[in-house]
N, C-alpha and C. Protein backbone atom coordinates (compact mmCIF):
# COMPACT_ATOMS: atom_id res chain seq x y z
N MET A 1 -30.60 7.34 11.42
CA MET A 1 -30.21 6.61 12.48
C MET A 1 -29.00 5.63 12.21
N ILE A 2 -28.45 5.35 13.30
CA ILE A 2 -27.07 4.29 13.26
C ILE A 2 -27.38 3.55 14.40
N ASP A 3 -27.22 2.45 13.83
CA ASP A 3 -27.57 1.14 14.96
C ASP A 3 -25.92 0.37 15.10
N VAL A 4 -25.34 0.53 16.19
CA VAL A 4 -24.17 -0.13 16.49
C VAL A 4 -24.52 -1.28 17.22
N ARG A 5 -23.82 -2.49 16.87
CA ARG A 5 -23.75 -3.79 17.60
C ARG A 5 -22.53 -4.39 17.88
N LEU A 6 -22.08 -4.59 19.04
CA LEU A 6 -21.02 -5.16 19.49
C LEU A 6 -20.83 -6.81 19.44
N GLU A 7 -19.72 -7.27 18.75
CA GLU A 7 -19.60 -8.69 18.66
C GLU A 7 -18.49 -9.11 19.36
N GLY A 8 -18.36 -9.44 20.63
CA GLY A 8 -16.90 -9.65 21.42
C GLY A 8 -15.96 -8.62 21.51
N VAL A 9 -16.45 -7.34 21.31
CA VAL A 9 -15.45 -6.46 21.47
C VAL A 9 -16.15 -5.15 22.03
N ASP A 10 -15.60 -4.19 22.47
CA ASP A 10 -15.94 -2.94 23.01
C ASP A 10 -15.96 -1.87 21.77
N ASP A 11 -16.54 -0.70 21.92
CA ASP A 11 -16.39 0.40 21.01
C ASP A 11 -15.48 1.49 21.65
N PRO A 12 -14.16 1.30 21.27
CA PRO A 12 -13.24 1.90 21.67
C PRO A 12 -13.09 3.42 21.35
N VAL A 13 -13.82 3.87 20.42
CA VAL A 13 -13.79 5.17 19.82
C VAL A 13 -15.16 6.16 19.63
N GLY A 14 -16.10 5.39 20.10
CA GLY A 14 -17.40 6.04 19.79
C GLY A 14 -17.90 5.85 18.24
N VAL A 15 -17.90 4.84 17.53
CA VAL A 15 -18.28 4.94 16.15
C VAL A 15 -19.49 5.33 15.74
N GLU A 16 -20.42 5.53 16.57
CA GLU A 16 -21.90 6.13 16.25
C GLU A 16 -21.61 7.47 15.85
N ALA A 17 -20.73 8.17 16.68
CA ALA A 17 -20.69 9.84 16.48
C ALA A 17 -19.85 9.82 15.32
N ILE A 18 -18.87 9.00 15.13
CA ILE A 18 -17.91 9.38 13.85
C ILE A 18 -18.66 9.18 12.65
N ALA A 19 -19.73 8.01 12.87
CA ALA A 19 -20.42 7.61 11.29
C ALA A 19 -21.50 8.73 11.27
N ALA A 20 -21.96 9.36 12.20
CA ALA A 20 -22.95 10.50 12.28
C ALA A 20 -22.26 11.55 11.33
N ARG A 21 -21.15 11.96 11.97
CA ARG A 21 -20.57 13.17 11.29
C ARG A 21 -20.25 12.80 9.70
N ALA A 22 -19.65 11.44 9.51
CA ALA A 22 -19.33 11.29 8.07
C ALA A 22 -20.38 11.28 7.23
N LEU A 23 -21.58 10.86 7.68
CA LEU A 23 -22.93 10.84 7.06
C LEU A 23 -23.29 12.36 6.57
N GLN A 24 -23.23 13.03 7.62
CA GLN A 24 -23.41 14.57 7.52
C GLN A 24 -22.46 15.34 6.46
N ALA A 25 -21.33 14.78 6.57
CA ALA A 25 -20.25 15.28 5.33
C ALA A 25 -20.63 14.98 4.07
N LEU A 26 -21.23 13.68 4.14
CA LEU A 26 -21.85 13.49 2.63
C LEU A 26 -23.27 13.68 2.36
N ALA A 27 -23.73 14.60 3.13
CA ALA A 27 -24.91 15.13 2.93
C ALA A 27 -26.16 13.95 3.13
N LEU A 28 -25.99 13.07 3.92
CA LEU A 28 -26.78 12.13 4.41
C LEU A 28 -27.21 11.91 5.68
N ALA A 29 -27.44 12.94 6.31
CA ALA A 29 -27.73 12.91 7.87
C ALA A 29 -28.88 12.18 8.06
N ASP A 30 -29.76 12.02 7.36
CA ASP A 30 -31.17 11.22 7.42
C ASP A 30 -30.99 9.90 7.11
N ALA A 31 -29.86 9.28 6.87
CA ALA A 31 -29.61 7.90 6.30
C ALA A 31 -29.50 6.99 7.46
N GLU A 32 -29.86 5.80 7.11
CA GLU A 32 -29.99 4.74 8.20
C GLU A 32 -28.76 3.74 8.05
N LEU A 33 -28.04 3.29 8.89
CA LEU A 33 -26.99 2.55 8.68
C LEU A 33 -26.66 1.58 9.98
N SER A 34 -26.37 0.10 9.76
CA SER A 34 -26.07 -0.58 10.64
C SER A 34 -24.43 -0.87 10.82
N ILE A 35 -23.92 -0.91 11.94
CA ILE A 35 -22.43 -1.08 12.16
C ILE A 35 -22.24 -2.15 13.09
N VAL A 36 -21.53 -3.23 12.68
CA VAL A 36 -21.18 -4.33 13.68
C VAL A 36 -19.55 -4.29 13.89
N LEU A 37 -19.37 -3.97 15.13
CA LEU A 37 -17.87 -3.92 15.56
C LEU A 37 -17.54 -5.21 16.08
N CYS A 38 -16.42 -5.88 15.65
CA CYS A 38 -16.34 -7.20 15.92
C CYS A 38 -14.77 -7.54 16.03
N ASP A 39 -14.43 -8.88 16.32
CA ASP A 39 -12.90 -9.43 16.21
C ASP A 39 -12.72 -9.99 14.90
N ASP A 40 -11.42 -10.51 14.58
CA ASP A 40 -11.13 -11.30 13.42
C ASP A 40 -12.04 -12.45 13.29
N ALA A 41 -12.13 -13.16 14.63
CA ALA A 41 -12.82 -14.52 14.44
C ALA A 41 -14.33 -14.38 13.77
N PHE A 42 -14.91 -13.12 14.13
CA PHE A 42 -16.42 -12.87 13.73
C PHE A 42 -16.05 -12.65 12.17
N ILE A 43 -15.20 -11.84 11.55
CA ILE A 43 -15.26 -11.40 10.12
C ILE A 43 -14.74 -12.39 9.38
N HIS A 44 -13.81 -13.05 9.79
CA HIS A 44 -13.07 -14.21 8.99
C HIS A 44 -14.15 -14.96 8.06
N PRO A 45 -15.11 -15.61 8.55
CA PRO A 45 -16.01 -16.29 7.79
C PRO A 45 -16.95 -15.38 6.91
N LEU A 46 -17.30 -14.50 7.37
CA LEU A 46 -18.03 -13.34 6.41
C LEU A 46 -17.21 -13.03 5.21
N ASN A 47 -15.91 -12.77 5.36
CA ASN A 47 -14.95 -12.47 4.40
C ASN A 47 -14.76 -13.55 3.32
N ARG A 48 -14.80 -14.85 3.87
CA ARG A 48 -14.59 -16.02 3.11
C ARG A 48 -15.91 -16.38 2.40
N ASP A 49 -16.95 -16.07 3.07
CA ASP A 49 -18.28 -16.65 2.29
C ASP A 49 -18.68 -15.56 1.31
N TYR A 50 -18.39 -14.32 1.60
CA TYR A 50 -19.06 -13.14 0.68
C TYR A 50 -18.07 -12.85 -0.34
N ARG A 51 -16.68 -12.79 0.23
CA ARG A 51 -15.60 -12.38 -0.95
C ARG A 51 -14.70 -13.44 -1.40
N GLY A 52 -14.93 -14.67 -0.90
CA GLY A 52 -13.98 -15.82 -1.33
C GLY A 52 -12.67 -15.75 -0.92
N LYS A 53 -12.46 -14.77 0.18
CA LYS A 53 -10.97 -14.54 0.75
C LYS A 53 -11.01 -15.29 2.26
N ASP A 54 -10.37 -16.15 2.21
CA ASP A 54 -10.09 -17.02 3.43
C ASP A 54 -9.27 -16.50 4.55
N ARG A 55 -9.53 -15.21 4.96
CA ARG A 55 -8.64 -14.64 5.97
C ARG A 55 -9.49 -13.28 6.52
N PRO A 56 -9.18 -12.75 7.70
CA PRO A 56 -9.89 -11.73 8.23
C PRO A 56 -9.70 -10.77 7.41
N THR A 57 -10.46 -9.47 7.53
CA THR A 57 -10.31 -8.30 6.78
C THR A 57 -10.75 -7.14 7.79
N ASP A 58 -10.43 -6.03 7.42
CA ASP A 58 -10.74 -4.84 8.26
C ASP A 58 -12.19 -4.59 8.30
N VAL A 59 -12.67 -4.22 7.05
CA VAL A 59 -14.18 -3.84 6.99
C VAL A 59 -14.92 -4.59 5.78
N LEU A 60 -16.04 -4.90 6.05
CA LEU A 60 -16.90 -5.32 4.95
C LEU A 60 -18.26 -4.39 4.94
N SER A 61 -18.68 -4.39 3.69
CA SER A 61 -19.83 -3.44 3.59
C SER A 61 -20.76 -4.39 2.77
N PHE A 62 -22.14 -4.11 3.13
CA PHE A 62 -23.29 -4.90 2.60
C PHE A 62 -24.34 -3.83 2.32
N PRO A 63 -24.27 -3.33 1.04
CA PRO A 63 -25.12 -2.21 0.59
C PRO A 63 -26.50 -2.71 0.54
N GLN A 64 -27.49 -1.81 0.85
CA GLN A 64 -29.07 -2.09 0.61
C GLN A 64 -29.28 -1.59 -0.72
N ARG A 65 -28.82 -0.43 -1.28
CA ARG A 65 -29.27 0.14 -2.47
C ARG A 65 -28.28 -0.56 -3.84
N GLU A 66 -28.73 -1.68 -3.73
CA GLU A 66 -27.86 -2.57 -4.89
C GLU A 66 -28.68 -3.24 -5.72
N GLY A 67 -28.42 -3.51 -7.05
CA GLY A 67 -29.42 -3.97 -8.14
C GLY A 67 -30.21 -3.25 -8.70
N GLU A 68 -30.89 -3.69 -9.80
CA GLU A 68 -31.66 -3.02 -10.56
C GLU A 68 -32.97 -2.38 -9.96
N GLU A 69 -33.44 -3.33 -9.22
CA GLU A 69 -34.70 -2.77 -8.53
C GLU A 69 -34.51 -2.06 -7.25
N SER A 70 -33.42 -1.62 -6.87
CA SER A 70 -33.14 -1.03 -5.59
C SER A 70 -33.46 0.65 -5.79
N ASP A 71 -33.80 1.31 -4.67
CA ASP A 71 -34.37 2.66 -4.73
C ASP A 71 -33.25 3.56 -4.26
N PRO A 72 -32.71 4.32 -5.11
CA PRO A 72 -31.64 5.23 -4.70
C PRO A 72 -31.94 6.19 -3.52
N ASP A 73 -33.33 6.60 -3.54
CA ASP A 73 -33.74 7.33 -2.53
C ASP A 73 -33.93 6.64 -1.08
N ASP A 74 -33.93 5.29 -0.99
CA ASP A 74 -34.24 4.49 0.14
C ASP A 74 -33.19 5.10 1.32
N PRO A 75 -33.43 5.62 2.46
CA PRO A 75 -32.63 6.11 3.46
C PRO A 75 -31.75 5.02 4.05
N VAL A 76 -32.13 3.65 3.88
CA VAL A 76 -31.38 2.56 4.50
C VAL A 76 -30.00 2.44 3.65
N LEU A 77 -29.03 2.63 4.16
CA LEU A 77 -27.64 2.50 3.24
C LEU A 77 -27.47 1.00 3.30
N GLY A 78 -27.21 0.37 4.34
CA GLY A 78 -26.95 -0.97 4.46
C GLY A 78 -26.18 -1.33 5.95
N ASP A 79 -25.32 -2.34 5.66
CA ASP A 79 -24.49 -2.81 7.04
C ASP A 79 -22.84 -2.62 6.72
N ILE A 80 -22.35 -2.19 7.71
CA ILE A 80 -20.94 -2.35 7.83
C ILE A 80 -20.39 -3.28 8.96
N VAL A 81 -19.57 -4.15 8.60
CA VAL A 81 -19.08 -4.95 9.63
C VAL A 81 -17.52 -4.66 9.90
N LEU A 82 -17.03 -4.08 10.96
CA LEU A 82 -15.48 -3.61 11.27
C LEU A 82 -14.82 -4.30 12.29
N SER A 83 -13.66 -5.09 12.03
CA SER A 83 -12.87 -5.77 12.91
C SER A 83 -12.10 -4.64 13.79
N VAL A 84 -12.55 -4.58 14.99
CA VAL A 84 -11.58 -3.86 15.72
C VAL A 84 -10.27 -4.13 16.03
N GLU A 85 -10.12 -5.50 16.17
CA GLU A 85 -8.70 -6.23 16.25
C GLU A 85 -7.92 -6.03 14.96
N ARG A 86 -8.49 -5.92 13.82
CA ARG A 86 -7.66 -5.77 12.63
C ARG A 86 -7.34 -4.17 12.53
N ALA A 87 -8.49 -3.37 12.87
CA ALA A 87 -7.97 -1.74 12.86
C ALA A 87 -6.97 -1.60 13.64
N GLN A 88 -6.89 -2.06 14.94
CA GLN A 88 -5.90 -1.90 16.07
C GLN A 88 -4.44 -2.26 15.47
N ALA A 89 -4.48 -3.44 14.87
CA ALA A 89 -3.21 -3.88 14.12
C ALA A 89 -2.75 -3.06 13.09
N GLN A 90 -3.65 -2.57 12.29
CA GLN A 90 -3.12 -1.71 11.33
C GLN A 90 -2.85 -0.16 11.89
N ALA A 91 -3.47 0.37 12.81
CA ALA A 91 -3.12 1.47 13.31
C ALA A 91 -1.69 1.16 13.85
N ASP A 92 -1.40 0.29 14.65
CA ASP A 92 -0.02 0.06 15.06
C ASP A 92 1.12 0.02 14.12
N GLU A 93 0.51 -0.69 12.91
CA GLU A 93 1.45 -0.73 11.75
C GLU A 93 1.84 0.65 11.02
N ARG A 94 0.79 1.43 11.11
CA ARG A 94 0.84 2.62 10.32
C ARG A 94 1.26 3.95 11.23
N GLY A 95 1.32 3.57 12.81
CA GLY A 95 1.93 4.42 13.81
C GLY A 95 0.89 5.74 14.15
N HIS A 96 -0.41 5.41 13.93
CA HIS A 96 -1.53 6.35 14.21
C HIS A 96 -2.40 5.75 15.15
N PRO A 97 -3.23 6.65 15.95
CA PRO A 97 -4.08 6.17 16.72
C PRO A 97 -5.16 5.21 16.31
N LEU A 98 -5.74 4.53 17.13
CA LEU A 98 -6.95 3.65 16.61
C LEU A 98 -8.09 4.30 16.13
N GLU A 99 -8.36 5.62 16.79
CA GLU A 99 -9.57 6.37 16.36
C GLU A 99 -9.14 6.86 14.90
N THR A 100 -8.20 6.88 14.48
CA THR A 100 -7.79 7.44 13.12
C THR A 100 -7.98 6.42 12.05
N GLU A 101 -7.74 5.18 12.55
CA GLU A 101 -7.90 4.11 11.62
C GLU A 101 -9.23 3.56 11.45
N MET A 102 -9.97 3.69 12.68
CA MET A 102 -11.53 3.43 12.70
C MET A 102 -12.20 4.54 11.81
N ARG A 103 -11.88 5.43 11.77
CA ARG A 103 -12.37 6.78 11.11
C ARG A 103 -12.42 6.38 9.47
N VAL A 104 -11.10 5.89 9.24
CA VAL A 104 -10.84 5.67 7.71
C VAL A 104 -11.59 4.64 7.35
N LEU A 105 -11.57 3.70 8.16
CA LEU A 105 -12.42 2.44 7.91
C LEU A 105 -13.93 2.77 7.72
N LEU A 106 -14.44 3.49 8.64
CA LEU A 106 -15.82 3.59 8.53
C LEU A 106 -16.11 4.32 7.41
N VAL A 107 -15.35 5.50 6.85
CA VAL A 107 -15.75 6.30 5.78
C VAL A 107 -15.37 5.41 4.45
N HIS A 108 -14.54 4.62 4.47
CA HIS A 108 -14.41 3.40 3.46
C HIS A 108 -15.48 2.64 3.26
N GLY A 109 -16.00 2.15 4.29
CA GLY A 109 -17.10 1.19 4.31
C GLY A 109 -18.36 2.05 3.72
N ILE A 110 -18.69 3.18 4.30
CA ILE A 110 -19.71 3.98 3.83
C ILE A 110 -19.78 4.29 2.33
N LEU A 111 -18.57 4.66 2.04
CA LEU A 111 -18.40 4.95 0.37
C LEU A 111 -18.85 3.67 -0.38
N HIS A 112 -18.40 2.56 0.08
CA HIS A 112 -18.79 1.42 -0.45
C HIS A 112 -20.36 1.06 -0.68
N LEU A 113 -20.96 1.43 0.52
CA LEU A 113 -22.37 1.32 0.53
C LEU A 113 -23.16 2.22 -0.57
N LEU A 114 -22.39 3.26 -0.86
CA LEU A 114 -22.85 4.38 -1.88
C LEU A 114 -22.64 4.01 -3.13
N GLY A 115 -21.97 2.85 -3.27
CA GLY A 115 -21.61 2.42 -4.61
C GLY A 115 -20.19 2.83 -5.26
N TYR A 116 -19.41 3.33 -4.37
CA TYR A 116 -18.09 3.43 -4.56
C TYR A 116 -17.13 2.18 -4.87
N ASP A 117 -16.21 2.02 -5.47
CA ASP A 117 -15.43 0.90 -5.65
C ASP A 117 -14.13 1.28 -5.95
N HIS A 118 -13.16 0.30 -5.93
CA HIS A 118 -11.62 0.50 -6.09
C HIS A 118 -11.11 -0.66 -6.84
N GLU A 119 -11.85 -1.42 -7.62
CA GLU A 119 -11.39 -2.61 -8.41
C GLU A 119 -10.58 -1.93 -9.71
N GLU A 120 -11.19 -1.02 -10.22
CA GLU A 120 -10.40 -0.39 -11.49
C GLU A 120 -9.75 0.75 -11.01
N ASP A 121 -8.70 1.31 -11.74
CA ASP A 121 -7.69 2.44 -11.31
C ASP A 121 -8.67 3.60 -11.25
N ALA A 122 -9.53 3.95 -12.23
CA ALA A 122 -10.30 5.13 -12.32
C ALA A 122 -11.06 5.15 -11.13
N ASP A 123 -11.77 4.05 -10.98
CA ASP A 123 -12.70 4.12 -9.72
C ASP A 123 -12.00 4.27 -8.43
N ALA A 124 -10.87 3.76 -8.18
CA ALA A 124 -9.99 3.75 -6.99
C ALA A 124 -9.47 5.07 -6.89
N GLU A 125 -9.32 6.00 -7.86
CA GLU A 125 -8.89 7.54 -7.79
C GLU A 125 -10.11 8.21 -7.19
N GLU A 126 -11.22 7.86 -8.02
CA GLU A 126 -12.43 8.59 -7.31
C GLU A 126 -12.70 8.32 -6.08
N MET A 127 -12.89 7.00 -5.64
CA MET A 127 -13.00 6.80 -4.07
C MET A 127 -12.01 7.15 -3.33
N GLU A 128 -10.71 7.26 -3.45
CA GLU A 128 -9.72 7.83 -2.80
C GLU A 128 -9.84 9.24 -2.56
N ALA A 129 -10.27 10.06 -3.64
CA ALA A 129 -10.41 11.35 -3.57
C ALA A 129 -11.63 11.73 -2.70
N GLU A 130 -12.74 10.97 -2.82
CA GLU A 130 -13.80 11.27 -1.82
C GLU A 130 -13.61 10.89 -0.58
N GLU A 131 -12.78 9.75 -0.32
CA GLU A 131 -12.31 9.39 1.18
C GLU A 131 -11.50 10.82 1.74
N ARG A 132 -10.64 11.03 1.11
CA ARG A 132 -9.67 12.31 1.63
C ARG A 132 -10.74 13.43 1.72
N ARG A 133 -11.54 13.77 0.89
CA ARG A 133 -12.50 15.04 1.20
C ARG A 133 -13.39 14.77 2.47
N VAL A 134 -13.96 13.60 2.65
CA VAL A 134 -14.69 13.46 3.86
C VAL A 134 -13.92 13.38 4.96
N LEU A 135 -12.77 12.70 5.21
CA LEU A 135 -11.90 12.71 6.28
C LEU A 135 -11.28 14.01 6.58
N ALA A 136 -11.00 14.81 5.49
CA ALA A 136 -10.71 16.10 5.94
C ALA A 136 -11.77 17.03 6.53
N MET A 137 -13.05 16.67 6.36
CA MET A 137 -14.11 17.16 6.91
C MET A 137 -14.20 16.81 8.39
N LEU A 138 -13.87 15.58 8.65
CA LEU A 138 -13.85 15.13 10.09
C LEU A 138 -12.72 15.14 10.62
N GLY A 139 -11.66 16.01 10.22
CA GLY A 139 -10.56 16.32 10.80
C GLY A 139 -9.50 15.23 11.01
N GLY A 140 -9.49 14.57 9.97
CA GLY A 140 -8.47 13.43 10.19
C GLY A 140 -7.97 12.80 8.73
């Protein structure tokens, strides 16, 4: 189950279908996921409060399967907050369609929910390889 909530923006690309395909590519078709699509004004305080970065960001992930007492078999993955405004700016900078950028950000966010990280070089390489694999399966 994928729940999409809109905060001051429209869903320009059909994120529920993209997320469903990404979960299927990760063999997690039965997983549960919440996605909030928002603008920079909505994501900015979340980024400040949860990451200590006082600026808008493109995507934030809030994993459900975190901590020692978490259940790795829990179907609830967590929440993704994605700024459509930031995604559009990045798509424009990179010269590709908004749908491509949203697909990249959704996959990135989902991988964070699964415990992938990119703080250390080795972890970043592993996460990037998995992103490329999943994006290739999604056709992008």
